N, C-alpha and C. Protein backbone atom coordinates (compact mmCIF):
# COMPACT_ATOMS: atom_id res chain seq x y z
N MET A 1 24.29 18.74 -4.02
CA MET A 1 23.33 18.96 -2.94
C MET A 1 21.79 18.60 -3.57
N LYS A 2 21.94 19.71 -4.46
CA LYS A 2 20.52 19.48 -5.32
C LYS A 2 20.37 18.15 -5.72
N LYS A 3 21.18 17.46 -6.45
CA LYS A 3 20.60 16.31 -6.62
C LYS A 3 20.27 14.94 -5.73
N ARG A 4 20.90 14.95 -4.32
CA ARG A 4 20.68 13.90 -3.61
C ARG A 4 19.25 14.88 -2.41
N LEU A 5 18.57 15.58 -3.25
CA LEU A 5 17.32 16.65 -2.42
C LEU A 5 16.41 15.69 -3.43
N PHE A 6 16.72 15.79 -4.75
CA PHE A 6 15.77 15.49 -5.68
C PHE A 6 15.58 13.86 -5.65
N ILE A 7 16.94 13.42 -5.62
CA ILE A 7 16.57 11.58 -4.96
C ILE A 7 15.71 10.93 -4.04
N LEU A 8 16.18 12.13 -3.11
CA LEU A 8 14.69 11.96 -1.42
C LEU A 8 13.86 12.06 -1.55
N ILE A 9 13.47 13.03 -2.47
CA ILE A 9 11.72 13.02 -2.71
C ILE A 9 11.51 12.81 -3.35
N VAL A 10 12.00 12.24 -4.72
CA VAL A 10 11.15 11.36 -5.64
C VAL A 10 11.15 9.81 -4.70
N SER A 11 12.11 9.31 -3.88
CA SER A 11 12.40 8.47 -3.28
C SER A 11 10.75 8.60 -2.15
N ILE A 12 11.09 9.30 -1.56
CA ILE A 12 10.08 9.53 -0.49
C ILE A 12 7.84 9.22 -1.01
N VAL A 13 8.23 10.38 -2.21
CA VAL A 13 6.94 9.78 -3.34
C VAL A 13 6.75 8.43 -3.33
N PHE A 14 7.94 7.69 -4.01
CA PHE A 14 7.29 6.51 -4.70
C PHE A 14 6.97 5.77 -3.02
N ILE A 15 7.61 5.78 -2.29
CA ILE A 15 7.33 4.84 -0.91
C ILE A 15 5.80 5.35 -0.43
N MET A 16 5.74 6.48 -0.56
CA MET A 16 4.34 6.93 0.44
C MET A 16 3.03 6.90 -1.31
N ALA A 17 3.43 6.68 -1.83
CA ALA A 17 2.05 5.89 -2.70
C ALA A 17 1.59 5.26 -2.51
N PRO A 18 1.71 4.04 -2.34
CA PRO A 18 0.68 2.91 -1.78
C PRO A 18 -0.18 3.29 -0.77
N PHE A 19 0.68 4.24 0.22
CA PHE A 19 -0.41 4.37 1.34
C PHE A 19 -1.70 5.21 0.90
N MET A 20 -1.52 6.29 -0.40
CA MET A 20 -2.18 7.52 -0.70
C MET A 20 -3.68 6.44 -1.13
N ALA A 21 -3.66 5.10 -1.15
CA ALA A 21 -4.47 4.92 -1.79
C ALA A 21 -6.45 5.05 -1.25
N SER A 22 -7.19 4.81 -2.15
CA SER A 22 -8.60 5.19 -1.75
C SER A 22 -8.96 4.42 -0.68
N ALA A 23 -9.45 4.71 0.17
CA ALA A 23 -9.90 3.84 1.98
C ALA A 23 -10.95 3.46 1.11
N ASP A 24 -12.08 3.76 0.32
CA ASP A 24 -13.26 3.14 -0.12
C ASP A 24 -13.38 1.82 -1.31
N GLU A 25 -11.92 1.68 -1.30
CA GLU A 25 -12.01 0.52 -2.60
C GLU A 25 -12.83 -0.94 -1.96
N SER A 26 -12.90 -1.24 -1.42
CA SER A 26 -14.01 -2.15 -1.01
C SER A 26 -15.28 -1.86 -1.89
N ALA A 27 -15.64 -1.08 -1.29
CA ALA A 27 -17.37 -0.94 -2.13
C ALA A 27 -16.94 -0.62 -3.81
N SER A 28 -16.13 -0.48 -4.03
CA SER A 28 -16.07 -0.59 -5.77
C SER A 28 -15.38 -1.60 -6.37
N ILE A 29 -14.99 -2.69 -5.51
CA ILE A 29 -14.49 -4.28 -5.41
C ILE A 29 -16.09 -4.49 -5.78
N GLY A 30 -16.44 -4.28 -4.52
CA GLY A 30 -18.00 -5.09 -4.30
C GLY A 30 -18.62 -4.53 -5.54
N ALA A 31 -18.95 -3.69 -6.08
CA ALA A 31 -19.42 -3.33 -7.21
C ALA A 31 -18.85 -3.99 -8.33
N ALA A 32 -17.73 -3.95 -8.73
CA ALA A 32 -16.71 -4.56 -9.53
C ALA A 32 -18.06 -6.15 -9.72
N ILE A 33 -17.36 -6.90 -8.97
CA ILE A 33 -17.82 -8.37 -9.00
C ILE A 33 -19.11 -8.80 -8.96
N ASN A 34 -20.13 -7.63 -8.20
CA ASN A 34 -21.26 -8.07 -8.90
C ASN A 34 -21.66 -7.91 -10.36
N LYS A 35 -21.14 -6.87 -11.13
CA LYS A 35 -21.30 -6.27 -12.39
C LYS A 35 -20.57 -7.83 -12.87
N VAL A 36 -20.12 -8.39 -13.14
CA VAL A 36 -19.49 -9.23 -13.46
C VAL A 36 -20.02 -10.58 -13.34
N ASP A 37 -20.71 -10.62 -11.59
CA ASP A 37 -21.36 -11.58 -11.66
C ASP A 37 -23.00 -11.80 -12.32
N SER A 38 -23.80 -10.38 -12.39
CA SER A 38 -24.57 -10.37 -13.32
C SER A 38 -24.43 -10.37 -14.41
N LEU A 39 -23.21 -10.22 -15.15
CA LEU A 39 -22.92 -10.59 -16.98
C LEU A 39 -23.34 -12.31 -17.22
N PHE A 40 -22.67 -12.79 -15.65
CA PHE A 40 -22.19 -13.97 -15.77
C PHE A 40 -23.77 -14.93 -15.45
N GLY A 41 -24.55 -14.48 -14.91
CA GLY A 41 -26.08 -14.63 -14.59
C GLY A 41 -26.05 -15.14 -13.05
N SER A 42 -24.94 -15.25 -12.31
CA SER A 42 -25.21 -15.59 -10.82
C SER A 42 -24.93 -14.12 -10.07
N SER A 43 -26.16 -14.47 -9.25
CA SER A 43 -26.44 -13.09 -8.07
C SER A 43 -25.77 -13.70 -6.77
N ASN A 44 -24.97 -15.06 -6.55
CA ASN A 44 -24.86 -15.57 -5.12
C ASN A 44 -23.62 -15.43 -4.92
N VAL A 45 -22.87 -15.55 -6.05
CA VAL A 45 -21.10 -16.21 -5.72
C VAL A 45 -20.11 -14.67 -5.95
N GLY A 46 -19.69 -14.67 -4.85
CA GLY A 46 -18.77 -12.97 -4.87
C GLY A 46 -19.27 -11.87 -4.64
N VAL A 47 -20.51 -11.90 -3.62
CA VAL A 47 -21.31 -10.68 -3.14
C VAL A 47 -20.39 -10.33 -2.19
N ILE A 48 -20.29 -8.93 -2.20
CA ILE A 48 -19.59 -8.61 -1.27
C ILE A 48 -20.43 -7.19 -0.62
N THR A 49 -20.94 -7.38 0.32
CA THR A 49 -21.85 -6.15 1.30
C THR A 49 -20.84 -5.07 1.94
N VAL A 50 -21.48 -4.26 2.02
CA VAL A 50 -20.92 -3.00 2.64
C VAL A 50 -21.94 -2.34 3.71
N ASN A 51 -21.03 -2.54 4.79
CA ASN A 51 -22.29 -2.25 5.66
C ASN A 51 -22.39 -0.84 6.45
N SER A 52 -23.04 -0.24 5.88
CA SER A 52 -23.50 0.91 6.14
C SER A 52 -23.43 1.69 7.65
N GLU A 53 -24.02 1.06 8.45
CA GLU A 53 -23.95 1.46 9.80
C GLU A 53 -21.92 0.98 10.42
N VAL A 54 -21.26 1.98 10.95
CA VAL A 54 -19.85 2.02 10.66
C VAL A 54 -19.82 2.45 12.27
N ASP A 55 -19.41 1.16 13.44
CA ASP A 55 -19.40 1.57 14.66
C ASP A 55 -18.29 2.61 14.89
N PRO A 56 -18.30 3.97 15.76
CA PRO A 56 -17.23 4.54 15.58
C PRO A 56 -16.19 4.26 16.19
N VAL A 57 -16.08 3.41 17.34
CA VAL A 57 -14.97 2.57 17.87
C VAL A 57 -14.16 1.88 17.23
N SER A 58 -15.11 1.43 16.23
CA SER A 58 -13.75 0.38 15.65
C SER A 58 -13.40 0.95 14.40
N PHE A 59 -14.08 2.25 13.91
CA PHE A 59 -14.08 2.97 12.74
C PHE A 59 -12.27 3.90 13.12
N VAL A 60 -12.42 4.00 14.27
CA VAL A 60 -11.57 5.14 14.83
C VAL A 60 -10.17 3.95 15.02
N ASN A 61 -10.18 2.95 15.66
CA ASN A 61 -9.44 1.99 15.84
C ASN A 61 -8.54 1.36 14.47
N SER A 62 -9.41 1.08 13.55
CA SER A 62 -8.83 0.54 12.50
C SER A 62 -8.18 2.13 11.56
N THR A 63 -8.43 2.68 11.70
CA THR A 63 -8.17 3.93 11.46
C THR A 63 -6.85 4.32 11.61
N LEU A 64 -6.84 4.63 13.34
CA LEU A 64 -5.86 4.59 13.56
C LEU A 64 -4.58 3.55 13.42
N GLY A 65 -5.03 2.23 14.00
CA GLY A 65 -4.49 1.26 13.99
C GLY A 65 -3.59 1.16 12.27
N GLY A 66 -4.31 1.81 11.54
CA GLY A 66 -3.76 1.45 10.03
C GLY A 66 -2.82 2.83 9.74
N PHE A 67 -2.98 3.71 10.18
CA PHE A 67 -2.36 5.03 10.43
C PHE A 67 -1.04 4.43 10.86
N LEU A 68 -0.75 3.86 12.16
CA LEU A 68 0.31 3.91 13.10
C LEU A 68 1.18 2.85 12.14
N THR A 69 0.60 1.61 11.82
CA THR A 69 1.24 0.41 11.01
C THR A 69 1.95 0.56 10.17
N LYS A 70 1.32 1.86 9.20
CA LYS A 70 2.16 2.15 7.79
C LYS A 70 2.86 3.21 8.16
N PHE A 71 2.89 4.19 9.28
CA PHE A 71 3.97 4.81 9.51
C PHE A 71 4.91 4.38 9.99
N LEU A 72 5.07 3.38 11.00
CA LEU A 72 5.85 2.26 11.59
C LEU A 72 6.25 1.55 10.45
N GLY A 73 5.96 0.91 9.36
CA GLY A 73 6.64 0.39 8.30
C GLY A 73 7.06 1.42 7.62
N LEU A 74 6.97 2.67 7.60
CA LEU A 74 7.99 3.58 6.67
C LEU A 74 9.35 4.05 7.63
N LEU A 75 9.13 4.23 9.12
CA LEU A 75 10.24 4.30 10.09
C LEU A 75 11.30 3.22 9.40
N GLY A 76 10.86 1.71 9.56
CA GLY A 76 11.42 0.69 9.19
C GLY A 76 11.75 0.72 8.41
N ILE A 77 11.46 1.39 6.76
CA ILE A 77 12.37 1.38 6.21
C ILE A 77 13.39 2.20 5.93
N ILE A 78 13.06 3.21 6.68
CA ILE A 78 14.41 4.57 6.75
C ILE A 78 15.41 3.62 7.56
N ALA A 79 14.66 3.10 8.78
CA ALA A 79 16.09 2.65 10.00
C ALA A 79 17.04 1.49 8.79
N LEU A 80 16.22 0.61 8.14
CA LEU A 80 16.75 -0.43 7.67
C LEU A 80 18.06 0.37 6.76
N GLY A 81 17.03 1.52 5.80
CA GLY A 81 18.27 2.20 4.59
C GLY A 81 19.13 2.30 5.18
N ILE A 82 18.96 3.32 6.52
CA ILE A 82 20.29 3.56 7.31
C ILE A 82 21.36 3.01 7.57
N PHE A 83 20.82 1.68 8.28
CA PHE A 83 21.70 0.84 8.54
C PHE A 83 22.28 0.17 7.29
N LEU A 84 21.69 -0.13 6.03
CA LEU A 84 22.75 -0.59 4.40
C LEU A 84 23.77 0.83 4.33
N TYR A 85 23.26 1.66 4.38
CA TYR A 85 24.07 3.21 3.93
C TYR A 85 25.20 2.72 4.91
N SER A 86 25.12 2.89 6.33
CA SER A 86 26.41 2.86 7.02
C SER A 86 26.82 1.22 6.52
N GLY A 87 26.36 0.51 6.47
CA GLY A 87 27.22 -0.88 6.23
C GLY A 87 27.96 -0.50 5.17
N ILE A 88 27.42 -0.02 3.98
CA ILE A 88 28.37 0.36 2.47
C ILE A 88 29.76 1.67 2.82
N ILE A 89 29.35 2.69 3.93
CA ILE A 89 30.41 3.62 4.46
C ILE A 89 31.45 2.78 5.19
N PHE A 90 30.82 1.53 5.85
CA PHE A 90 32.03 1.25 6.33
C PHE A 90 33.01 0.04 6.03
N MET A 91 32.52 0.00 4.28
CA MET A 91 32.83 -0.81 3.29
C MET A 91 34.09 -0.26 3.03
N LEU A 92 33.69 1.23 2.40
CA LEU A 92 34.75 1.78 1.76
C LEU A 92 35.26 2.88 2.19
N SER A 93 35.36 2.48 3.85
CA SER A 93 36.23 3.83 4.44
C SER A 93 37.47 3.59 4.46
N GLU A 94 38.19 2.52 3.93
CA GLU A 94 39.59 2.48 3.17
C GLU A 94 40.53 2.76 4.74
N GLY A 95 39.92 2.58 5.70
CA GLY A 95 40.92 2.00 7.15
C GLY A 95 40.90 3.43 7.74
N ASP A 96 40.31 4.34 7.58
CA ASP A 96 40.27 5.54 7.65
C ASP A 96 38.87 5.44 9.35
N SER A 97 39.70 5.62 10.24
CA SER A 97 39.09 5.62 11.99
C SER A 97 37.86 6.32 11.80
N GLY A 98 38.00 7.78 11.78
CA GLY A 98 37.16 8.17 12.03
C GLY A 98 35.32 7.61 10.51
N LYS A 99 35.86 7.53 9.70
CA LYS A 99 34.55 6.95 8.56
C LYS A 99 34.42 5.64 9.30
N VAL A 100 35.23 4.83 10.01
CA VAL A 100 34.71 3.77 10.26
C VAL A 100 34.04 3.93 11.71
N SER A 101 34.49 4.91 12.58
CA SER A 101 33.47 4.77 14.02
C SER A 101 32.21 5.57 13.18
N ASN A 102 32.30 6.49 12.47
CA ASN A 102 30.94 6.77 12.16
C ASN A 102 29.98 5.57 11.69
N ALA A 103 30.40 4.98 10.68
CA ALA A 103 29.75 4.25 10.07
C ALA A 103 29.49 2.75 11.20
N GLN A 104 30.06 2.64 12.21
CA GLN A 104 29.59 1.69 12.90
C GLN A 104 28.71 2.32 14.15
N ASN A 105 28.82 3.41 14.59
CA ASN A 105 27.55 3.86 15.24
C ASN A 105 26.73 3.96 14.83
N GLY A 106 26.24 4.51 13.11
CA GLY A 106 24.91 4.38 12.56
C GLY A 106 24.84 3.12 12.29
N MET A 107 25.37 1.99 12.44
CA MET A 107 24.57 0.71 12.07
C MET A 107 24.38 0.31 13.61
N VAL A 108 24.90 0.91 14.46
CA VAL A 108 24.11 0.71 16.33
C VAL A 108 23.27 1.38 16.03
N TRP A 109 22.57 2.48 15.97
CA TRP A 109 21.65 3.01 16.06
C TRP A 109 20.49 2.75 15.33
N SER A 110 21.15 2.85 14.43
CA SER A 110 19.45 1.73 13.02
C SER A 110 19.22 0.64 13.85
N ALA A 111 20.01 -0.28 14.28
CA ALA A 111 19.68 -1.54 15.07
C ALA A 111 18.71 -1.25 16.63
N ILE A 112 19.30 -0.27 17.02
CA ILE A 112 18.39 0.05 18.00
C ILE A 112 17.11 0.88 18.02
N GLY A 113 16.81 1.70 17.06
CA GLY A 113 15.89 1.97 16.27
C GLY A 113 15.08 0.88 15.44
N LEU A 114 15.29 0.04 15.06
CA LEU A 114 14.87 -0.85 14.31
C LEU A 114 14.49 -1.70 15.85
N PHE A 115 15.03 -2.03 16.45
CA PHE A 115 13.85 -2.95 17.94
C PHE A 115 13.39 -2.03 18.50
N ALA A 116 13.35 -0.66 18.57
CA ALA A 116 12.36 0.05 19.13
C ALA A 116 10.83 0.20 17.92
N ILE A 117 11.46 0.29 17.09
CA ILE A 117 9.98 0.31 15.98
C ILE A 117 9.61 -1.31 15.88
N PHE A 118 9.53 -2.31 16.26
CA PHE A 118 9.72 -3.57 16.18
C PHE A 118 8.61 -3.94 17.66
N ALA A 119 8.78 -3.26 18.76
CA ALA A 119 8.53 -3.01 19.78
C ALA A 119 7.40 -2.16 20.22
N SER A 120 8.17 -1.08 19.50
CA SER A 120 6.43 -0.62 19.37
C SER A 120 5.26 -0.48 18.25
N TYR A 121 5.05 -1.12 17.55
CA TYR A 121 4.38 -2.06 16.69
C TYR A 121 3.87 -3.41 17.25
N ALA A 122 4.77 -3.60 17.76
CA ALA A 122 4.05 -5.20 19.01
C ALA A 122 3.07 -4.45 20.06
N PHE A 123 3.35 -3.07 20.38
CA PHE A 123 2.78 -2.72 21.79
C PHE A 123 1.38 -1.47 20.84
N ILE A 124 1.40 -0.84 19.91
CA ILE A 124 0.49 -1.01 19.76
C ILE A 124 -0.76 -2.16 18.84
N ASN A 125 -0.20 -2.98 18.13
CA ASN A 125 -1.09 -3.86 18.01
C ASN A 125 -1.64 -4.65 19.31
N TYR A 126 -0.95 -4.74 20.17
CA TYR A 126 -1.78 -5.27 21.39
C TYR A 126 -2.76 -4.36 22.12
N ALA A 127 -2.18 -3.08 21.90
CA ALA A 127 -3.31 -1.79 22.55
C ALA A 127 -4.51 -2.01 21.69
N ILE A 128 -4.41 -1.93 20.27
CA ILE A 128 -5.60 -1.59 18.85
C ILE A 128 -6.60 -3.16 19.84
N ASP A 129 -5.69 -4.34 19.58
CA ASP A 129 -6.87 -5.23 19.89
C ASP A 129 -7.38 -5.18 20.91
N ALA A 130 -6.73 -4.86 22.70
CA ALA A 130 -7.70 -4.45 23.58
C ALA A 130 -8.27 -3.67 23.74
N LEU A 131 -8.31 -2.98 22.72
CA LEU A 131 -9.02 -1.19 22.71
C LEU A 131 -10.82 -1.67 21.83
N ASN A 132 -10.26 -2.98 20.66
CA ASN A 132 -11.54 -3.02 20.17
C ASN A 132 -12.27 -4.27 20.54
N PHE A 133 -13.46 -3.57 21.19
CA PHE A 133 -14.55 -3.85 21.63
C PHE A 133 -15.59 -3.33 20.67
N THR A 134 -16.66 -4.58 20.93
CA THR A 134 -17.94 -4.24 19.99
C THR A 134 -18.94 -3.56 21.29
N THR A 135 -19.87 -2.88 20.83
CA THR A 135 -20.99 -2.34 21.15
C THR A 135 -22.28 -2.62 21.12
N SER A 136 -22.55 -3.38 22.16
CA SER A 136 -24.00 -4.26 21.86
C SER A 136 -24.53 -3.74 22.58
N GLY A 137 -26.54 -3.43 22.82
CA GLY A 137 -26.96 -2.77 23.24
C GLY A 137 -28.13 -3.02 22.78
């Protein structure tokens, strides 16, 4: 039991590691590109500017949309893992009707979960795009 818990925790850490990246990477990437361009004598190639004025509506939309997209991606990975695990249990059931029934239920419910995740992803993308208006005044 402890070994399974350890494997689960390590898996979650490795899955979540890409999501924990710094949100201000564009400024550091832009500074690095500008440094390389200045070393080669070019000041116009590859210049990335970072807008210092951030629209609060677009910031909330992009932050919330990014978080929800990553969260739904994580849920999709979990549902796909459950589907694969149920398939393996189904193949290794050796004709035991209880194991077969549990594996089939796991596959059905994970497929329903994947459908719900895809539908909510489509709805969230639609809602974020509909709310992403620019304030001009």
